[in-house]
């Protein structure tokens, strides 16, 4: 493995280290709070993994977010009393129309490339769109992770009130004595 490859995969090495650290804390600790912290570290490594996989970089192609451009004039909407444009076309129709326009422009650019406009046609063909889905999913996972961490800590507080300890071994011994 060359140094360029090793450092090119730096994010994945960080993910592996965090994942193994969190896993080790979970299996080695009998303290319930330390176990929750280990699970959070493990969960953070999964977040980083998905976000890293969703990030696109390319030295040749232009990478951009897939954002729809607005403002198609009066034919697709009407004006409100305040002069604002109100769209009446659905998202699918809008996206389909933009795709049709992009194909039409790309076709015109490619035909122009045959007539000496190769630079612009090359620019149109070299656009790469990143996928926002991993980031959106990770935002949802972060919210769920915070909620489950809060629930776990609330349960630990309740266990501490009943048993007087948060060590798993001591709790199991107290349970055996009660039976």
Protein backbone atom coordinates (compact mmCIF):
# COMPACT_ATOMS: atom_id res chain seq x y z
CA UNK A 1 0.00 0.00 0.00
CA UNK A 2 1.46 3.32 -1.06
CA UNK A 3 1.44 6.33 1.28
CA UNK A 4 -0.92 8.14 -1.11
CA UNK A 5 -3.41 5.28 -0.86
CA UNK A 6 -3.03 5.07 2.92
CA UNK A 7 -3.63 8.78 3.47
CA UNK A 8 -6.30 8.84 0.77
CA UNK A 9 -8.28 6.43 2.94
CA UNK A 10 -7.69 8.47 6.11
CA UNK A 11 -11.41 8.86 6.88
CA UNK A 12 -11.90 5.11 6.74
CA UNK A 13 -8.98 4.53 9.13
CA UNK A 14 -10.58 6.97 11.57
CA UNK A 15 -13.89 5.12 11.22
CA UNK A 16 -12.22 1.79 11.98
CA UNK A 17 -10.39 3.19 15.04
CA UNK A 18 -13.55 4.78 16.42
CA UNK A 19 -15.61 1.68 15.77
CA UNK A 20 -13.15 -0.64 17.50
CA UNK A 21 -12.74 1.80 20.43
CA UNK A 22 -16.50 1.99 20.94
CA UNK A 23 -16.86 -1.78 20.62
CA UNK A 24 -14.07 -2.38 23.13
CA UNK A 25 -15.66 0.00 25.65
CA UNK A 26 -19.02 -1.75 25.30
CA UNK A 27 -17.71 -5.29 25.83
CA UNK A 28 -15.10 -4.49 28.49
CA UNK A 29 -17.00 -2.17 30.79
CA UNK A 30 -19.48 -3.20 33.44
CA UNK A 31 -20.42 0.41 34.17
CA UNK A 32 -23.69 1.29 32.45
CA UNK A 33 -22.72 4.90 31.69
CA UNK A 34 -19.44 3.78 30.12
CA UNK A 35 -21.42 1.31 28.01
CA UNK A 36 -23.67 4.12 26.74
CA UNK A 37 -20.57 6.22 25.93
CA UNK A 38 -19.07 3.27 24.03
CA UNK A 39 -22.28 2.86 22.03
CA UNK A 40 -22.21 6.58 21.18
CA UNK A 41 -18.61 6.34 19.97
CA UNK A 42 -19.54 3.33 17.84
CA UNK A 43 -22.54 5.23 16.48
CA UNK A 44 -20.35 8.22 15.62
CA UNK A 45 -18.08 5.97 13.57
CA UNK A 46 -21.09 4.80 11.56
CA UNK A 47 -22.10 8.44 10.95
CA UNK A 48 -18.61 9.23 9.68
CA UNK A 49 -18.64 6.17 7.44
CA UNK A 50 -21.88 7.14 5.71
CA UNK A 51 -20.95 10.80 5.40
CA UNK A 52 -17.56 9.86 3.94
CA UNK A 53 -19.20 7.56 1.41
CA UNK A 54 -21.62 10.33 0.40
CA UNK A 55 -18.89 12.91 -0.22
CA UNK A 56 -17.71 13.02 -3.82
CA UNK A 57 -14.50 14.62 -5.00
CA UNK A 58 -13.05 14.47 -8.47
CA UNK A 59 -10.03 16.42 -9.72
CA UNK A 60 -11.36 16.46 -13.30
CA UNK A 61 -15.13 16.75 -12.98
CA UNK A 62 -17.02 19.55 -11.31
CA UNK A 63 -18.93 18.17 -8.29
CA UNK A 64 -22.04 20.01 -7.21
CA UNK A 65 -25.23 19.47 -5.25
CA UNK A 66 -28.34 18.51 -7.23
CA UNK A 67 -30.22 21.77 -6.74
CA UNK A 68 -33.10 22.67 -9.03
CA UNK A 69 -33.02 26.17 -10.41
CA UNK A 70 -36.22 28.21 -10.08
CA UNK A 71 -37.80 31.02 -12.04
CA UNK A 72 -39.43 29.65 -15.21
CA UNK A 73 -41.56 32.73 -15.86
CA UNK A 74 -45.29 33.28 -15.84
CA UNK A 75 -46.25 30.20 -17.83
CA UNK A 76 -45.82 27.84 -14.86
CA UNK A 77 -47.42 29.89 -12.15
CA UNK A 78 -49.29 33.01 -11.26
CA UNK A 79 -48.48 36.08 -9.25
CA UNK A 80 -49.93 36.72 -5.83
CA UNK A 81 -51.08 40.13 -4.61
CA UNK A 82 -47.54 40.88 -3.44
CA UNK A 83 -45.95 40.12 -6.80
CA UNK A 84 -44.35 36.85 -5.67
CA UNK A 85 -44.15 33.93 -8.04
CA UNK A 86 -46.32 31.00 -6.91
CA UNK A 87 -45.42 27.73 -8.58
CA UNK A 88 -48.32 25.56 -9.69
CA UNK A 89 -46.24 22.81 -11.19
CA UNK A 90 -45.34 19.73 -9.18
CA UNK A 91 -41.77 18.82 -8.25
CA UNK A 92 -41.72 15.88 -10.67
CA UNK A 93 -42.90 18.02 -13.58
CA UNK A 94 -40.36 20.68 -12.68
CA UNK A 95 -37.50 18.18 -12.47
CA UNK A 96 -38.60 16.50 -15.71
CA UNK A 97 -38.72 19.84 -17.45
CA UNK A 98 -35.24 20.77 -16.21
CA UNK A 99 -33.88 17.41 -17.33
CA UNK A 100 -35.45 17.91 -20.76
CA UNK A 101 -33.90 21.40 -20.99
CA UNK A 102 -30.50 20.10 -19.89
CA UNK A 103 -30.59 17.34 -22.51
CA UNK A 104 -31.61 19.85 -25.16
CA UNK A 105 -28.75 22.19 -24.16
CA UNK A 106 -26.26 19.32 -24.00
CA UNK A 107 -27.34 18.17 -27.44
CA UNK A 108 -26.96 21.70 -28.80
CA UNK A 109 -23.57 22.00 -27.13
CA UNK A 110 -22.40 18.68 -28.52
CA UNK A 111 -23.51 19.64 -32.02
CA UNK A 112 -21.74 22.96 -31.49
CA UNK A 113 -18.64 21.01 -30.45
CA UNK A 114 -18.48 19.59 -33.93
CA UNK A 115 -18.32 23.20 -35.14
CA UNK A 116 -15.46 24.35 -32.89
CA UNK A 117 -17.13 24.72 -29.45
CA UNK A 118 -15.50 21.66 -27.84
CA UNK A 119 -14.51 23.45 -24.64
CA UNK A 120 -18.11 24.19 -23.58
CA UNK A 121 -19.33 20.70 -24.54
CA UNK A 122 -16.56 19.17 -22.44
CA UNK A 123 -17.65 21.34 -19.49
CA UNK A 124 -21.28 20.15 -19.79
CA UNK A 125 -20.28 16.47 -19.92
CA UNK A 126 -17.97 16.74 -16.87
CA UNK A 127 -20.52 17.64 -14.17
CA UNK A 128 -20.90 15.12 -11.32
CA UNK A 129 -23.77 15.40 -8.85
CA UNK A 130 -23.30 14.35 -5.24
CA UNK A 131 -25.97 12.33 -3.48
CA UNK A 132 -27.52 14.18 -0.50
CA UNK A 133 -29.29 11.07 0.80
CA UNK A 134 -26.49 9.85 3.14
CA UNK A 135 -26.33 13.25 4.84
CA UNK A 136 -30.11 13.37 5.25
CA UNK A 137 -30.17 9.86 6.68
CA UNK A 138 -27.37 10.71 9.11
CA UNK A 139 -29.24 13.79 10.35
CA UNK A 140 -32.18 11.53 11.13
CA UNK A 141 -29.86 8.99 12.78
CA UNK A 142 -28.31 11.70 14.95
CA UNK A 143 -31.74 12.72 16.24
CA UNK A 144 -32.63 9.09 16.95
CA UNK A 145 -29.24 8.57 18.64
CA UNK A 146 -29.74 11.56 20.94
CA UNK A 147 -33.20 10.32 21.89
CA UNK A 148 -32.00 6.78 22.66
CA UNK A 149 -29.04 8.13 24.65
CA UNK A 150 -31.40 10.27 26.72
CA UNK A 151 -33.65 7.26 27.31
CA UNK A 152 -30.69 5.07 28.28
CA UNK A 153 -29.42 7.67 30.75
CA UNK A 154 -32.91 8.04 32.23
CA UNK A 155 -33.08 4.26 32.70
CA UNK A 156 -29.64 4.30 34.33
CA UNK A 157 -30.82 6.98 36.77
CA UNK A 158 -33.84 4.81 37.63
CA UNK A 159 -31.63 1.70 38.05
CA UNK A 160 -29.34 3.71 40.36
CA UNK A 161 -32.32 4.72 42.48
CA UNK A 162 -33.52 1.10 42.83
CA UNK A 163 -30.20 -0.74 43.19
CA UNK A 164 -27.86 1.94 44.50
CA UNK A 165 -25.26 1.14 41.81
CA UNK A 166 -24.70 1.31 38.08
CA UNK A 167 -22.22 -1.58 37.88
CA UNK A 168 -23.66 -4.50 35.95
CA UNK A 169 -22.07 -7.22 38.13
CA UNK A 170 -23.44 -5.72 41.36
CA UNK A 171 -26.91 -5.36 39.84
CA UNK A 172 -26.90 -9.04 38.79
CA UNK A 173 -25.83 -10.10 42.31
CA UNK A 174 -28.59 -8.03 43.90
CA UNK A 175 -31.10 -9.60 41.52
CA UNK A 176 -29.97 -13.10 42.52
CA UNK A 177 -30.33 -12.23 46.21
CA UNK A 178 -33.89 -10.97 45.66
CA UNK A 179 -34.95 -14.22 44.01
